[in-house]
């Protein structure tokens, strides 16, 4: 998924239900978390976010939506999509984790359009948008971020070094009245948007930027500026 600027996002034409086989195997009534990112590469910090959400929200599935290319990051510092898909599959363990290149195959650019398309394709599925707390601080810069908040409930999982910053984020302040206590997290998928919760869990410090640095690859900035 991608982001550009704040404010309402115009509706773009997306794939109509039935035109594109997405291979997600979702059925009406399921509670499904959508977890988007570059995953450059995916690591156990990402798995921590997905597994925490799966458990605490009582989800049936978590779909990892691997972005083809973040427009705010240099393409020469982003591994090929196939490599990032493989890294996501390596850490997204278990039958409840699905790694998908839906955004690429659907030819959609912005997160808000991807979420609209998935909701249209899967009526009756109870979607929840997932992100790490390190991304909440800049969430208000995403294209159509208020639309995202109103499309589906959202769960924010605590990540190291971002707890205080994320709690005072513009998005957290703007939608303060829609925040749901973490003790009610298991009911989030059934709530009408906007509704969001903040989940604390044992913190996992792993980051894609650190992995690239260890491999001798210049990260070109903090990883996860757009998404985890």
C-alpha atoms as a PDB file:
ATOM      1  CA  UNK A   1       0.000   0.000   0.000  1.00  0.00           C
ATOM      2  CA  UNK A   2       1.069   3.593  -0.507  1.00  0.00           C
ATOM      3  CA  UNK A   3       0.455   7.016   0.916  1.00  0.00           C
ATOM      4  CA  UNK A   4       0.900  10.566  -0.309  1.00  0.00           C
ATOM      5  CA  UNK A   5      -1.003  13.287   1.545  1.00  0.00           C
ATOM      6  CA  UNK A   6      -3.792  13.776   4.044  1.00  0.00           C
ATOM      7  CA  UNK A   7      -7.407  14.520   3.254  1.00  0.00           C
ATOM      8  CA  UNK A   8     -10.264  12.748   1.510  1.00  0.00           C
ATOM      9  CA  UNK A   9      -9.269  10.469  -1.351  1.00  0.00           C
ATOM     10  CA  UNK A  10     -11.308  10.422  -4.564  1.00  0.00           C
ATOM     11  CA  UNK A  11     -12.804   7.084  -5.437  1.00  0.00           C
ATOM     12  CA  UNK A  12     -10.804   5.289  -8.109  1.00  0.00           C
ATOM     13  CA  UNK A  13     -12.005   2.566 -10.386  1.00  0.00           C
ATOM     14  CA  UNK A  14     -10.923  -0.776  -9.004  1.00  0.00           C
ATOM     15  CA  UNK A  15     -11.392  -4.398  -9.972  1.00  0.00           C
ATOM     16  CA  UNK A  16     -15.027  -5.481  -9.856  1.00  0.00           C
ATOM     17  CA  UNK A  17     -15.942  -8.528  -7.761  1.00  0.00           C
ATOM     18  CA  UNK A  18     -15.275 -11.713  -9.714  1.00  0.00           C
ATOM     19  CA  UNK A  19     -12.915 -10.181 -12.287  1.00  0.00           C
ATOM     20  CA  UNK A  20      -9.676 -10.912 -10.424  1.00  0.00           C
ATOM     21  CA  UNK A  21      -9.024 -14.106  -8.503  1.00  0.00           C
ATOM     22  CA  UNK A  22      -7.316 -12.950  -5.343  1.00  0.00           C
ATOM     23  CA  UNK A  23      -6.704 -16.404  -3.882  1.00  0.00           C
ATOM     24  CA  UNK A  24      -7.429 -15.262  -0.334  1.00  0.00           C
ATOM     25  CA  UNK A  25     -10.046 -17.915   0.388  1.00  0.00           C
ATOM     26  CA  UNK A  26     -12.171 -15.595   2.514  1.00  0.00           C
ATOM     27  CA  UNK A  27     -15.785 -16.328   3.402  1.00  0.00           C
ATOM     28  CA  UNK A  28     -18.614 -14.182   4.786  1.00  0.00           C
ATOM     29  CA  UNK A  29     -18.549 -14.045   8.568  1.00  0.00           C
ATOM     30  CA  UNK A  30     -14.764 -14.284   8.856  1.00  0.00           C
ATOM     31  CA  UNK A  31     -12.847 -11.711  10.903  1.00  0.00           C
ATOM     32  CA  UNK A  32      -9.775 -10.809   8.843  1.00  0.00           C
ATOM     33  CA  UNK A  33      -6.852  -8.520   9.589  1.00  0.00           C
ATOM     34  CA  UNK A  34      -5.245  -6.620   6.685  1.00  0.00           C
ATOM     35  CA  UNK A  35      -1.558  -5.957   7.286  1.00  0.00           C
ATOM     36  CA  UNK A  36       0.138  -3.863   4.581  1.00  0.00           C
ATOM     37  CA  UNK A  37       3.760  -2.952   4.025  1.00  0.00           C
ATOM     38  CA  UNK A  38       6.854  -3.021   1.868  1.00  0.00           C
ATOM     39  CA  UNK A  39       8.308  -5.865   3.983  1.00  0.00           C
ATOM     40  CA  UNK A  40      11.798  -4.963   2.805  1.00  0.00           C
ATOM     41  CA  UNK A  41      12.525  -7.529   4.150  1.00  0.00           C
ATOM     42  CA  UNK A  42       9.841  -9.026   6.384  1.00  0.00           C
ATOM     43  CA  UNK A  43      11.105 -10.001   9.847  1.00  0.00           C
ATOM     44  CA  UNK A  44       9.941 -11.318  13.195  1.00  0.00           C
ATOM     45  CA  UNK A  45       8.884  -7.810  14.269  1.00  0.00           C
ATOM     46  CA  UNK A  46       6.247  -7.937  11.537  1.00  0.00           C
ATOM     47  CA  UNK A  47       5.256 -11.417  12.670  1.00  0.00           C
ATOM     48  CA  UNK A  48       4.904 -10.041  16.211  1.00  0.00           C
ATOM     49  CA  UNK A  49       2.372  -7.440  15.017  1.00  0.00           C
ATOM     50  CA  UNK A  50       0.407  -9.988  12.953  1.00  0.00           C
ATOM     51  CA  UNK A  51       0.397 -12.687  15.636  1.00  0.00           C
ATOM     52  CA  UNK A  52      -0.561 -10.246  18.402  1.00  0.00           C
ATOM     53  CA  UNK A  53      -3.506  -9.002  16.332  1.00  0.00           C
ATOM     54  CA  UNK A  54      -4.553 -12.538  15.376  1.00  0.00           C
ATOM     55  CA  UNK A  55      -4.652 -13.592  19.015  1.00  0.00           C
ATOM     56  CA  UNK A  56      -5.977 -10.478  20.738  1.00  0.00           C
ATOM     57  CA  UNK A  57      -8.630  -9.633  18.138  1.00  0.00           C
ATOM     58  CA  UNK A  58      -9.790 -13.217  17.666  1.00  0.00           C
ATOM     59  CA  UNK A  59      -9.168 -13.078  13.907  1.00  0.00           C
ATOM     60  CA  UNK A  60      -9.674 -15.973  11.518  1.00  0.00           C
ATOM     61  CA  UNK A  61      -6.942 -14.778   9.143  1.00  0.00           C
ATOM     62  CA  UNK A  62      -4.287 -12.108   8.726  1.00  0.00           C
ATOM     63  CA  UNK A  63      -3.575 -11.084   5.123  1.00  0.00           C
ATOM     64  CA  UNK A  64      -0.108  -9.623   4.532  1.00  0.00           C
ATOM     65  CA  UNK A  65      -0.512  -7.163   1.649  1.00  0.00           C
ATOM     66  CA  UNK A  66       2.959  -6.755   0.129  1.00  0.00           C
ATOM     67  CA  UNK A  67       3.322  -3.409  -1.645  1.00  0.00           C
ATOM     68  CA  UNK A  68       4.980  -3.391  -5.102  1.00  0.00           C
ATOM     69  CA  UNK A  69       6.839  -0.119  -4.432  1.00  0.00           C
ATOM     70  CA  UNK A  70       6.482   2.603  -1.821  1.00  0.00           C
ATOM     71  CA  UNK A  71       6.558   5.910  -3.783  1.00  0.00           C
ATOM     72  CA  UNK A  72       8.397   7.670  -0.957  1.00  0.00           C
ATOM     73  CA  UNK A  73      11.261   5.172  -0.996  1.00  0.00           C
ATOM     74  CA  UNK A  74      13.907   4.735  -3.645  1.00  0.00           C
ATOM     75  CA  UNK A  75      13.280   1.798  -5.947  1.00  0.00           C
ATOM     76  CA  UNK A  76      16.979   0.919  -5.948  1.00  0.00           C
ATOM     77  CA  UNK A  77      16.793   0.372  -2.173  1.00  0.00           C
ATOM     78  CA  UNK A  78      13.715  -1.840  -2.431  1.00  0.00           C
ATOM     79  CA  UNK A  79      14.168  -5.536  -3.120  1.00  0.00           C
ATOM     80  CA  UNK A  80      12.183  -7.110  -5.963  1.00  0.00           C
ATOM     81  CA  UNK A  81       8.604  -7.980  -5.111  1.00  0.00           C
ATOM     82  CA  UNK A  82       9.282 -11.714  -5.420  1.00  0.00           C
ATOM     83  CA  UNK A  83      12.057 -11.496  -2.815  1.00  0.00           C
ATOM     84  CA  UNK A  84       9.885  -9.516  -0.401  1.00  0.00           C
ATOM     85  CA  UNK A  85       6.993 -11.933  -0.884  1.00  0.00           C
ATOM     86  CA  UNK A  86       9.366 -14.805  -0.079  1.00  0.00           C
ATOM     87  CA  UNK A  87      10.633 -13.051   3.058  1.00  0.00           C
ATOM     88  CA  UNK A  88       7.035 -12.487   4.201  1.00  0.00           C
ATOM     89  CA  UNK A  89       6.145 -16.133   3.630  1.00  0.00           C
ATOM     90  CA  UNK A  90       9.188 -17.156   5.673  1.00  0.00           C
ATOM     91  CA  UNK A  91       7.972 -15.324   8.797  1.00  0.00           C
ATOM     92  CA  UNK A  92       4.168 -15.435   8.307  1.00  0.00           C
ATOM     93  CA  UNK A  93       3.896 -18.943   9.653  1.00  0.00           C
ATOM     94  CA  UNK A  94       0.743 -21.001   9.968  1.00  0.00           C
ATOM     95  CA  UNK A  95      -2.462 -21.495   7.976  1.00  0.00           C
ATOM     96  CA  UNK A  96      -4.011 -18.336   9.449  1.00  0.00           C
ATOM     97  CA  UNK A  97      -1.378 -16.120   7.750  1.00  0.00           C
ATOM     98  CA  UNK A  98      -1.833 -15.318   4.041  1.00  0.00           C
ATOM     99  CA  UNK A  99       0.788 -13.437   1.999  1.00  0.00           C
ATOM    100  CA  UNK A 100      -0.690 -11.627  -1.013  1.00  0.00           C
ATOM    101  CA  UNK A 101       0.372  -9.413  -3.927  1.00  0.00           C
ATOM    102  CA  UNK A 102      -3.232  -8.274  -4.439  1.00  0.00           C
ATOM    103  CA  UNK A 103      -2.213  -4.620  -4.819  1.00  0.00           C
ATOM    104  CA  UNK A 104       0.095  -5.429  -7.727  1.00  0.00           C
ATOM    105  CA  UNK A 105      -2.346  -7.721  -9.554  1.00  0.00           C
ATOM    106  CA  UNK A 106      -5.244  -5.332  -9.030  1.00  0.00           C
ATOM    107  CA  UNK A 107      -3.106  -2.417 -10.264  1.00  0.00           C
ATOM    108  CA  UNK A 108      -4.065  -0.256  -7.314  1.00  0.00           C
ATOM    109  CA  UNK A 109      -1.698   2.281  -5.769  1.00  0.00           C
ATOM    110  CA  UNK A 110      -3.229   3.805  -2.667  1.00  0.00           C
ATOM    111  CA  UNK A 111      -4.063   1.957   0.538  1.00  0.00           C
ATOM    112  CA  UNK A 112      -7.547   3.442   0.666  1.00  0.00           C
ATOM    113  CA  UNK A 113      -8.346   2.070  -2.809  1.00  0.00           C
ATOM    114  CA  UNK A 114      -6.992  -1.381  -1.940  1.00  0.00           C
ATOM    115  CA  UNK A 115      -9.191  -1.534   1.155  1.00  0.00           C
ATOM    116  CA  UNK A 116     -12.244  -0.345  -0.775  1.00  0.00           C
ATOM    117  CA  UNK A 117     -11.631  -3.016  -3.416  1.00  0.00           C
ATOM    118  CA  UNK A 118     -11.270  -5.808  -0.865  1.00  0.00           C
ATOM    119  CA  UNK A 119     -14.430  -4.756   0.959  1.00  0.00           C
ATOM    120  CA  UNK A 120     -16.346  -4.722  -2.333  1.00  0.00           C
ATOM    121  CA  UNK A 121     -14.993  -8.138  -3.338  1.00  0.00           C
ATOM    122  CA  UNK A 122     -15.704  -9.791   0.009  1.00  0.00           C
ATOM    123  CA  UNK A 123     -19.077  -8.632   1.364  1.00  0.00           C
ATOM    124  CA  UNK A 124     -19.763 -10.095   4.763  1.00  0.00           C
ATOM    125  CA  UNK A 125     -16.095 -10.371   5.759  1.00  0.00           C
ATOM    126  CA  UNK A 126     -15.320  -8.357   8.887  1.00  0.00           C
ATOM    127  CA  UNK A 127     -12.064  -6.581   8.037  1.00  0.00           C
ATOM    128  CA  UNK A 128      -9.704  -4.855  10.485  1.00  0.00           C
ATOM    129  CA  UNK A 129      -6.757  -2.734   9.347  1.00  0.00           C
ATOM    130  CA  UNK A 130      -3.541  -3.538  11.255  1.00  0.00           C
ATOM    131  CA  UNK A 131      -0.435  -1.444  11.833  1.00  0.00           C
ATOM    132  CA  UNK A 132       2.475  -1.081  14.219  1.00  0.00           C
ATOM    133  CA  UNK A 133       2.550   1.943  16.504  1.00  0.00           C
ATOM    134  CA  UNK A 134       5.632   3.233  14.663  1.00  0.00           C
ATOM    135  CA  UNK A 135       3.379   3.944  11.675  1.00  0.00           C
ATOM    136  CA  UNK A 136       0.591   5.680  13.584  1.00  0.00           C
ATOM    137  CA  UNK A 137       2.765   8.776  14.103  1.00  0.00           C
ATOM    138  CA  UNK A 138       2.793   9.501  10.360  1.00  0.00           C
ATOM    139  CA  UNK A 139      -0.585   8.002   9.489  1.00  0.00           C
ATOM    140  CA  UNK A 140      -2.124  11.476   9.008  1.00  0.00           C
ATOM    141  CA  UNK A 141       0.161  11.926   5.967  1.00  0.00           C
ATOM    142  CA  UNK A 142      -1.348   8.974   4.123  1.00  0.00           C
ATOM    143  CA  UNK A 143      -3.591   9.747   1.192  1.00  0.00           C
ATOM    144  CA  UNK A 144      -7.193   9.489   2.380  1.00  0.00           C
ATOM    145  CA  UNK A 145      -6.239   8.489   5.932  1.00  0.00           C
ATOM    146  CA  UNK A 146      -9.559   9.673   7.384  1.00  0.00           C
ATOM    147  CA  UNK A 147     -11.326   7.538   4.764  1.00  0.00           C
ATOM    148  CA  UNK A 148      -9.270   4.538   5.893  1.00  0.00           C
ATOM    149  CA  UNK A 149     -10.381   5.146   9.487  1.00  0.00           C
ATOM    150  CA  UNK A 150     -14.005   5.210   8.373  1.00  0.00           C
ATOM    151  CA  UNK A 151     -13.741   2.157   6.090  1.00  0.00           C
ATOM    152  CA  UNK A 152     -12.995  -0.430   8.763  1.00  0.00           C
ATOM    153  CA  UNK A 153     -11.888  -0.746  12.398  1.00  0.00           C
ATOM    154  CA  UNK A 154      -8.154  -0.450  13.062  1.00  0.00           C
ATOM    155  CA  UNK A 155      -5.797  -2.096  15.556  1.00  0.00           C
ATOM    156  CA  UNK A 156      -2.438  -0.541  16.464  1.00  0.00           C
ATOM    157  CA  UNK A 157       0.147  -2.886  18.000  1.00  0.00           C
ATOM    158  CA  UNK A 158       2.841  -1.355  20.220  1.00  0.00           C
ATOM    159  CA  UNK A 159       6.340  -1.261  18.701  1.00  0.00           C
ATOM    160  CA  UNK A 160       9.622  -0.274  20.408  1.00  0.00           C
ATOM    161  CA  UNK A 161      10.559   3.393  20.487  1.00  0.00           C
ATOM    162  CA  UNK A 162       7.196   4.708  19.321  1.00  0.00           C
ATOM    163  CA  UNK A 163       4.821   4.336  22.250  1.00  0.00           C
ATOM    164  CA  UNK A 164       4.813   7.972  23.396  1.00  0.00           C
ATOM    165  CA  UNK A 165       5.000   9.405  19.875  1.00  0.00           C
ATOM    166  CA  UNK A 166       2.118   7.294  18.614  1.00  0.00           C
ATOM    167  CA  UNK A 167      -0.133   8.150  21.547  1.00  0.00           C
ATOM    168  CA  UNK A 168       0.118  11.863  20.682  1.00  0.00           C
ATOM    169  CA  UNK A 169      -0.143  11.334  16.916  1.00  0.00           C
ATOM    170  CA  UNK A 170      -2.574  13.577  15.001  1.00  0.00           C
ATOM    171  CA  UNK A 171      -4.627  10.533  13.992  1.00  0.00           C
ATOM    172  CA  UNK A 172      -4.911   9.404  17.614  1.00  0.00           C
ATOM    173  CA  UNK A 173      -6.078  12.888  18.642  1.00  0.00           C
ATOM    174  CA  UNK A 174      -8.461  13.304  15.701  1.00  0.00           C
ATOM    175  CA  UNK A 175     -10.186   9.980  16.433  1.00  0.00           C
ATOM    176  CA  UNK A 176      -9.795   9.965  20.213  1.00  0.00           C
ATOM    177  CA  UNK A 177     -13.535   9.476  20.699  1.00  0.00           C
ATOM    178  CA  UNK A 178     -13.428   6.332  18.527  1.00  0.00           C
ATOM    179  CA  UNK A 179     -10.749   4.599  20.590  1.00  0.00           C
ATOM    180  CA  UNK A 180     -11.832   1.272  22.064  1.00  0.00           C
ATOM    181  CA  UNK A 181     -10.296  -0.067  25.313  1.00  0.00           C
ATOM    182  CA  UNK A 182      -7.905  -2.947  24.675  1.00  0.00           C
ATOM    183  CA  UNK A 183     -10.006  -5.143  26.955  1.00  0.00           C
ATOM    184  CA  UNK A 184     -12.697  -4.966  24.243  1.00  0.00           C
ATOM    185  CA  UNK A 185     -10.287  -5.820  21.417  1.00  0.00           C
ATOM    186  CA  UNK A 186     -11.940  -9.180  20.740  1.00  0.00           C
ATOM    187  CA  UNK A 187     -15.104  -7.291  19.716  1.00  0.00           C
ATOM    188  CA  UNK A 188     -13.373  -4.813  17.391  1.00  0.00           C
ATOM    189  CA  UNK A 189     -14.110  -6.673  14.142  1.00  0.00           C
ATOM    190  CA  UNK A 190     -17.841  -6.364  14.846  1.00  0.00           C
ATOM    191  CA  UNK A 191     -17.737  -2.626  15.501  1.00  0.00           C
ATOM    192  CA  UNK A 192     -18.717   0.053  13.024  1.00  0.00           C
ATOM    193  CA  UNK A 193     -15.872   2.286  11.854  1.00  0.00           C
ATOM    194  CA  UNK A 194     -14.388   4.547  12.974  1.00  0.00           C
ATOM    195  CA  UNK A 195     -13.216   2.364  15.851  1.00  0.00           C
ATOM    196  CA  UNK A 196      -9.635   1.606  16.823  1.00  0.00           C
ATOM    197  CA  UNK A 197      -7.664   0.108  19.665  1.00  0.00           C
ATOM    198  CA  UNK A 198      -4.083   0.148  20.923  1.00  0.00           C
ATOM    199  CA  UNK A 199      -2.638  -3.228  21.855  1.00  0.00           C
ATOM    200  CA  UNK A 200       0.301  -3.616  24.195  1.00  0.00           C
ATOM    201  CA  UNK A 201       2.354  -6.802  23.936  1.00  0.00           C
ATOM    202  CA  UNK A 202       5.930  -7.892  24.752  1.00  0.00           C
ATOM    203  CA  UNK A 203       7.928  -5.632  22.444  1.00  0.00           C
ATOM    204  CA  UNK A 204       9.962  -7.043  19.562  1.00  0.00           C
ATOM    205  CA  UNK A 205      12.766  -4.665  18.511  1.00  0.00           C
ATOM    206  CA  UNK A 206      13.463  -6.095  15.056  1.00  0.00           C
ATOM    207  CA  UNK A 207      13.257  -3.664  12.123  1.00  0.00           C
ATOM    208  CA  UNK A 208      13.808  -4.001   8.377  1.00  0.00           C
ATOM    209  CA  UNK A 209      16.309  -1.120   8.399  1.00  0.00           C
ATOM    210  CA  UNK A 210      18.510  -2.949  10.905  1.00  0.00           C
ATOM    211  CA  UNK A 211      18.408  -6.117   8.804  1.00  0.00           C
ATOM    212  CA  UNK A 212      19.399  -4.193   5.657  1.00  0.00           C
ATOM    213  CA  UNK A 213      22.187  -2.429   7.543  1.00  0.00           C
ATOM    214  CA  UNK A 214      23.548  -5.755   8.770  1.00  0.00           C
ATOM    215  CA  UNK A 215      23.467  -6.978   5.177  1.00  0.00           C
ATOM    216  CA  UNK A 216      25.341  -3.878   4.008  1.00  0.00           C
ATOM    217  CA  UNK A 217      22.356  -2.335   2.236  1.00  0.00           C
ATOM    218  CA  UNK A 218      21.776   1.402   2.697  1.00  0.00           C
ATOM    219  CA  UNK A 219      18.219   1.807   3.969  1.00  0.00           C
ATOM    220  CA  UNK A 220      17.883   5.406   2.814  1.00  0.00           C
ATOM    221  CA  UNK A 221      15.974   6.423   5.910  1.00  0.00           C
ATOM    222  CA  UNK A 222      13.905   4.932   8.675  1.00  0.00           C
ATOM    223  CA  UNK A 223      12.066   1.856   7.561  1.00  0.00           C
ATOM    224  CA  UNK A 224       8.349   1.882   8.033  1.00  0.00           C
ATOM    225  CA  UNK A 225       7.761   5.591   7.381  1.00  0.00           C
ATOM    226  CA  UNK A 226       4.678   4.526   5.472  1.00  0.00           C
ATOM    227  CA  UNK A 227       3.806   1.144   6.862  1.00  0.00           C
ATOM    228  CA  UNK A 228       5.417  -1.525   8.996  1.00  0.00           C
END
